[in-house]
Protein backbone atom coordinates (compact mmCIF):
# COMPACT_ATOMS: atom_id res chain seq x y z
CA MET A 1 10.75 -17.00 -4.74
CA ASP A 2 7.57 -18.88 -6.50
CA LYS A 3 9.27 -22.63 -7.54
CA ASP A 4 8.72 -20.99 -11.29
CA THR A 5 10.80 -18.37 -10.64
CA LYS A 6 14.43 -19.31 -13.48
CA ARG A 7 17.57 -19.40 -11.31
CA ILE A 8 20.67 -17.58 -13.56
CA LEU A 9 24.07 -17.58 -13.09
CA LEU A 10 24.88 -14.45 -15.93
CA VAL A 11 28.56 -14.82 -17.35
CA ALA A 12 29.89 -12.78 -19.14
CA ALA A 13 33.30 -9.88 -19.53
CA HIS A 14 32.57 -6.61 -19.94
CA ASN A 15 30.87 -6.05 -16.06
CA ALA A 16 28.85 -3.05 -17.40
CA PHE A 17 27.04 -5.56 -19.31
CA ARG A 18 26.66 -8.29 -17.11
CA GLU A 19 25.29 -5.36 -14.56
CA ALA A 20 23.02 -3.29 -16.02
CA LEU A 21 22.00 -6.39 -17.61
CA ALA A 22 21.65 -8.34 -14.25
CA ALA A 23 19.59 -5.81 -12.75
CA ARG A 24 17.38 -5.29 -16.11
CA LEU A 25 16.34 -9.66 -15.31
CA SER A 26 16.15 -9.19 -11.45
CA GLN A 27 13.22 -6.17 -13.02
CA GLU A 28 11.16 -9.63 -13.73
CA GLU A 29 8.93 -11.72 -10.86
CA ASP A 30 10.01 -14.70 -12.33
CA LEU A 31 13.72 -13.47 -12.72
CA GLU A 32 16.32 -13.90 -10.08
CA VAL A 33 20.50 -13.82 -10.87
CA VAL A 34 21.86 -15.45 -8.23
CA TRP A 35 25.64 -15.87 -9.15
CA GLN A 36 27.45 -13.09 -11.45
CA ALA A 37 31.04 -14.14 -13.01
CA GLY A 38 33.40 -12.39 -15.52
CA SER A 39 35.50 -15.26 -16.17
CA VAL A 40 35.97 -18.19 -16.38
CA ALA A 41 37.80 -18.38 -13.16
CA ASP A 42 35.09 -17.48 -11.05
CA THR A 43 32.87 -19.49 -12.88
CA ARG A 44 34.52 -22.23 -11.51
CA ASP A 45 34.22 -20.61 -8.21
CA ILE A 46 30.46 -21.07 -7.81
CA HIS A 47 28.71 -22.91 -6.66
CA LEU A 48 25.58 -24.26 -9.06
CA ASP A 49 23.31 -26.32 -7.11
CA GLY A 50 19.68 -24.65 -7.81
CA ILE A 51 20.64 -22.85 -11.22
CA ASN A 52 17.80 -23.53 -14.18
CA VAL A 53 19.69 -20.81 -16.68
CA ALA A 54 23.60 -20.14 -17.51
CA VAL A 55 23.91 -17.54 -19.70
CA ILE A 56 27.20 -17.46 -21.11
CA ASP A 57 29.15 -15.49 -22.83
CA PRO A 58 31.78 -17.42 -25.19
CA LEU A 59 34.12 -15.23 -25.20
CA LEU A 60 35.80 -14.81 -21.55
CA PRO A 61 38.93 -12.87 -20.81
CA ASP A 62 41.02 -16.88 -18.82
CA GLY A 63 39.77 -19.06 -22.36
CA ASP A 64 36.58 -20.09 -23.89
CA GLY A 65 33.04 -19.63 -22.25
CA MET A 66 31.70 -22.98 -24.07
CA VAL A 67 33.80 -24.97 -21.75
CA LEU A 68 31.52 -23.39 -18.65
CA ILE A 69 28.13 -25.53 -21.17
CA ARG A 70 29.79 -28.44 -20.60
CA GLU A 71 30.73 -27.78 -16.80
CA VAL A 72 27.29 -25.98 -16.35
CA SER A 73 25.59 -29.64 -17.47
CA VAL A 74 28.14 -31.34 -14.98
CA ALA A 75 27.81 -29.94 -11.87
CA ASN A 76 24.18 -29.51 -12.87
CA PRO A 77 22.09 -31.48 -15.38
CA ASN A 78 18.59 -29.98 -15.46
CA ALA A 79 20.80 -26.37 -15.74
CA LEU A 80 20.28 -25.48 -19.43
CA ALA A 81 22.68 -22.36 -21.62
CA LEU A 82 21.98 -19.86 -22.79
CA VAL A 83 24.32 -18.44 -25.40
CA PHE A 84 25.10 -14.77 -26.08
CA SER A 85 27.69 -13.46 -27.91
CA HIS A 86 28.55 -9.80 -29.95
CA ARG A 87 30.20 -12.60 -32.61
CA LEU A 88 27.64 -13.96 -33.33
CA ASP A 89 29.11 -16.02 -36.66
CA PRO A 90 28.19 -19.36 -37.33
CA ALA A 91 31.23 -21.17 -36.19
CA VAL A 92 30.34 -19.89 -32.83
CA TYR A 93 26.29 -20.38 -33.20
CA HIS A 94 27.45 -24.46 -34.24
CA GLN A 95 30.20 -24.48 -31.10
CA ALA A 96 27.56 -23.27 -28.70
CA LEU A 97 25.06 -25.56 -30.07
CA GLY A 98 27.19 -28.09 -29.96
CA ALA A 99 29.30 -27.94 -26.12
CA GLY A 100 24.77 -28.03 -25.23
CA ALA A 101 23.89 -24.22 -25.48
CA VAL A 102 19.91 -24.36 -26.20
CA GLU A 103 19.62 -21.20 -27.78
CA VAL A 104 21.27 -18.42 -29.36
CA LEU A 105 21.09 -14.95 -29.08
CA SER A 106 23.37 -12.11 -29.81
CA THR A 107 23.75 -9.62 -27.65
CA ALA A 108 22.19 -6.24 -30.29
CA THR A 109 18.96 -8.95 -29.69
CA PRO A 110 16.78 -6.48 -28.10
CA VAL A 111 16.01 -6.74 -23.56
CA GLU A 112 12.21 -8.01 -23.51
CA ASP A 113 13.32 -10.87 -26.31
CA PHE A 114 16.83 -12.08 -24.51
CA ILE A 115 13.90 -11.79 -21.61
CA ASN A 116 11.70 -14.28 -23.14
CA ALA A 117 14.61 -16.81 -24.40
CA ILE A 118 15.20 -16.91 -21.10
CA ARG A 119 11.58 -17.37 -19.76
CA ARG A 120 11.22 -20.75 -22.83
CA THR A 121 14.66 -22.02 -21.66
CA GLY A 122 13.58 -25.27 -20.19
CA ASP A 123 9.36 -25.34 -21.11
CA SER A 124 9.17 -28.18 -22.73
CA GLY A 125 6.22 -28.18 -25.47
């Protein structure tokens, strides 16, 4: 693994969407999905050291994904969060940024734009 590889935690409620996105991201040389979870509880069982980017759906079956943004940042201050949601209204947007997300995207975002957002996460400049 190259030092520039983004190591990703992917948290999404819908298994098919999460697995398809993980498979697509894994096709990129500089992206590696190292953990996947479908709920707040599953994410809390994951050792968060070594991840660079947490991609989090704020609408999880057992709680608010926004809480996970804060928890990830406490467990691994170097990890940055990117939020994606099918319900991208201003309240979700502002809540995600307030929780510490660096970017908020819609699930309708084209996959190439989504990949580029992950690549930008943590880049200086």
